[in-house]
Amino acid sequence: MSNEEKLLCRNCNTELERRMIGLNTFYCCRECLSMVSVREIVQLKLGMMRTIDAMEASS
């Protein structure tokens, strides 16, 4: 059993639901019907980690 962190919709702050569409995984919001792909989530997290690393290196 894997531990998944709960992801919240950036529009309405509702918990996202995991959906498989073909071979791709998306997280969908039932309230506002927005969708975000796992690829987008990973890119956002990597960008945040790079920013934090850059801030730590400059201080």
C-alpha atoms as a PDB file:
ATOM      1  CA  MET A   1       0.000   0.000   0.000  1.00  0.00           C
ATOM      2  CA  SER A   2       1.451   3.334  -1.006  1.00  0.00           C
ATOM      3  CA  ASN A   3       0.990   6.607   0.843  1.00  0.00           C
ATOM      4  CA  GLU A   4      -0.447   9.243  -1.455  1.00  0.00           C
ATOM      5  CA  GLU A   5      -0.588  12.834  -0.337  1.00  0.00           C
ATOM      6  CA  LYS A   6      -3.952  14.491  -0.741  1.00  0.00           C
ATOM      7  CA  LEU A   7      -3.949  16.977  -3.580  1.00  0.00           C
ATOM      8  CA  LEU A   8      -6.257  19.967  -3.542  1.00  0.00           C
ATOM      9  CA  CYS A   9      -7.742  21.868  -6.468  1.00  0.00           C
ATOM     10  CA  ARG A  10      -6.035  25.206  -7.002  1.00  0.00           C
ATOM     11  CA  ASN A  11      -9.373  26.771  -8.033  1.00  0.00           C
ATOM     12  CA  CYS A  12     -11.766  25.681  -5.279  1.00  0.00           C
ATOM     13  CA  ASN A  13      -9.556  23.893  -2.712  1.00  0.00           C
ATOM     14  CA  THR A  14     -11.485  20.594  -3.021  1.00  0.00           C
ATOM     15  CA  GLU A  15      -9.678  17.266  -2.815  1.00  0.00           C
ATOM     16  CA  LEU A  16      -8.764  15.920  -6.258  1.00  0.00           C
ATOM     17  CA  GLU A  17      -9.772  12.483  -7.474  1.00  0.00           C
ATOM     18  CA  ARG A  18      -7.343  10.266  -9.409  1.00  0.00           C
ATOM     19  CA  ARG A  19      -8.505   9.161 -12.873  1.00  0.00           C
ATOM     20  CA  MET A  20      -6.869   7.012 -15.524  1.00  0.00           C
ATOM     21  CA  ILE A  21      -7.596   8.095 -19.085  1.00  0.00           C
ATOM     22  CA  GLY A  22      -5.943   5.668 -21.444  1.00  0.00           C
ATOM     23  CA  LEU A  23      -2.379   5.289 -20.194  1.00  0.00           C
ATOM     24  CA  ASN A  24      -2.324   8.754 -18.630  1.00  0.00           C
ATOM     25  CA  THR A  25      -3.105   9.668 -15.034  1.00  0.00           C
ATOM     26  CA  PHE A  26      -5.001  12.837 -14.209  1.00  0.00           C
ATOM     27  CA  TYR A  27      -6.352  14.373 -11.031  1.00  0.00           C
ATOM     28  CA  CYS A  28      -9.862  15.756 -11.410  1.00  0.00           C
ATOM     29  CA  CYS A  29     -11.967  18.094  -9.289  1.00  0.00           C
ATOM     30  CA  ARG A  30     -15.627  17.171  -8.887  1.00  0.00           C
ATOM     31  CA  GLU A  31     -16.638  20.701  -7.920  1.00  0.00           C
ATOM     32  CA  CYS A  32     -15.213  22.862 -10.724  1.00  0.00           C
ATOM     33  CA  LEU A  33     -14.411  20.019 -13.200  1.00  0.00           C
ATOM     34  CA  SER A  34     -10.780  21.095 -13.657  1.00  0.00           C
ATOM     35  CA  MET A  35      -8.123  18.500 -14.491  1.00  0.00           C
ATOM     36  CA  VAL A  36      -4.368  18.413 -13.935  1.00  0.00           C
ATOM     37  CA  SER A  37      -1.997  15.772 -15.255  1.00  0.00           C
ATOM     38  CA  VAL A  38       0.591  14.009 -13.144  1.00  0.00           C
ATOM     39  CA  ARG A  39       3.229  15.439 -15.496  1.00  0.00           C
ATOM     40  CA  GLU A  40       2.159  18.996 -14.596  1.00  0.00           C
ATOM     41  CA  ILE A  41       2.257  18.183 -10.875  1.00  0.00           C
ATOM     42  CA  VAL A  42       5.766  16.737 -11.147  1.00  0.00           C
ATOM     43  CA  GLN A  43       7.010  19.766 -13.115  1.00  0.00           C
ATOM     44  CA  LEU A  44       5.572  22.142 -10.498  1.00  0.00           C
ATOM     45  CA  LYS A  45       7.192  20.232  -7.637  1.00  0.00           C
ATOM     46  CA  LEU A  46      10.557  20.112  -9.416  1.00  0.00           C
ATOM     47  CA  GLY A  47      10.369  23.849 -10.057  1.00  0.00           C
ATOM     48  CA  MET A  48       9.640  24.497  -6.389  1.00  0.00           C
ATOM     49  CA  MET A  49      12.563  22.291  -5.329  1.00  0.00           C
ATOM     50  CA  ARG A  50      14.936  24.124  -7.696  1.00  0.00           C
ATOM     51  CA  THR A  51      13.776  27.481  -6.346  1.00  0.00           C
ATOM     52  CA  ILE A  52      14.330  26.352  -2.762  1.00  0.00           C
ATOM     53  CA  ASP A  53      17.797  25.012  -3.648  1.00  0.00           C
ATOM     54  CA  ALA A  54      18.698  28.306  -5.345  1.00  0.00           C
ATOM     55  CA  MET A  55      17.508  30.300  -2.328  1.00  0.00           C
ATOM     56  CA  GLU A  56      19.502  28.114   0.060  1.00  0.00           C
ATOM     57  CA  ALA A  57      22.631  28.397  -2.124  1.00  0.00           C
ATOM     58  CA  SER A  58      22.386  32.204  -2.240  1.00  0.00           C
ATOM     59  CA  SER A  59      22.088  32.609   1.533  1.00  0.00           C
END
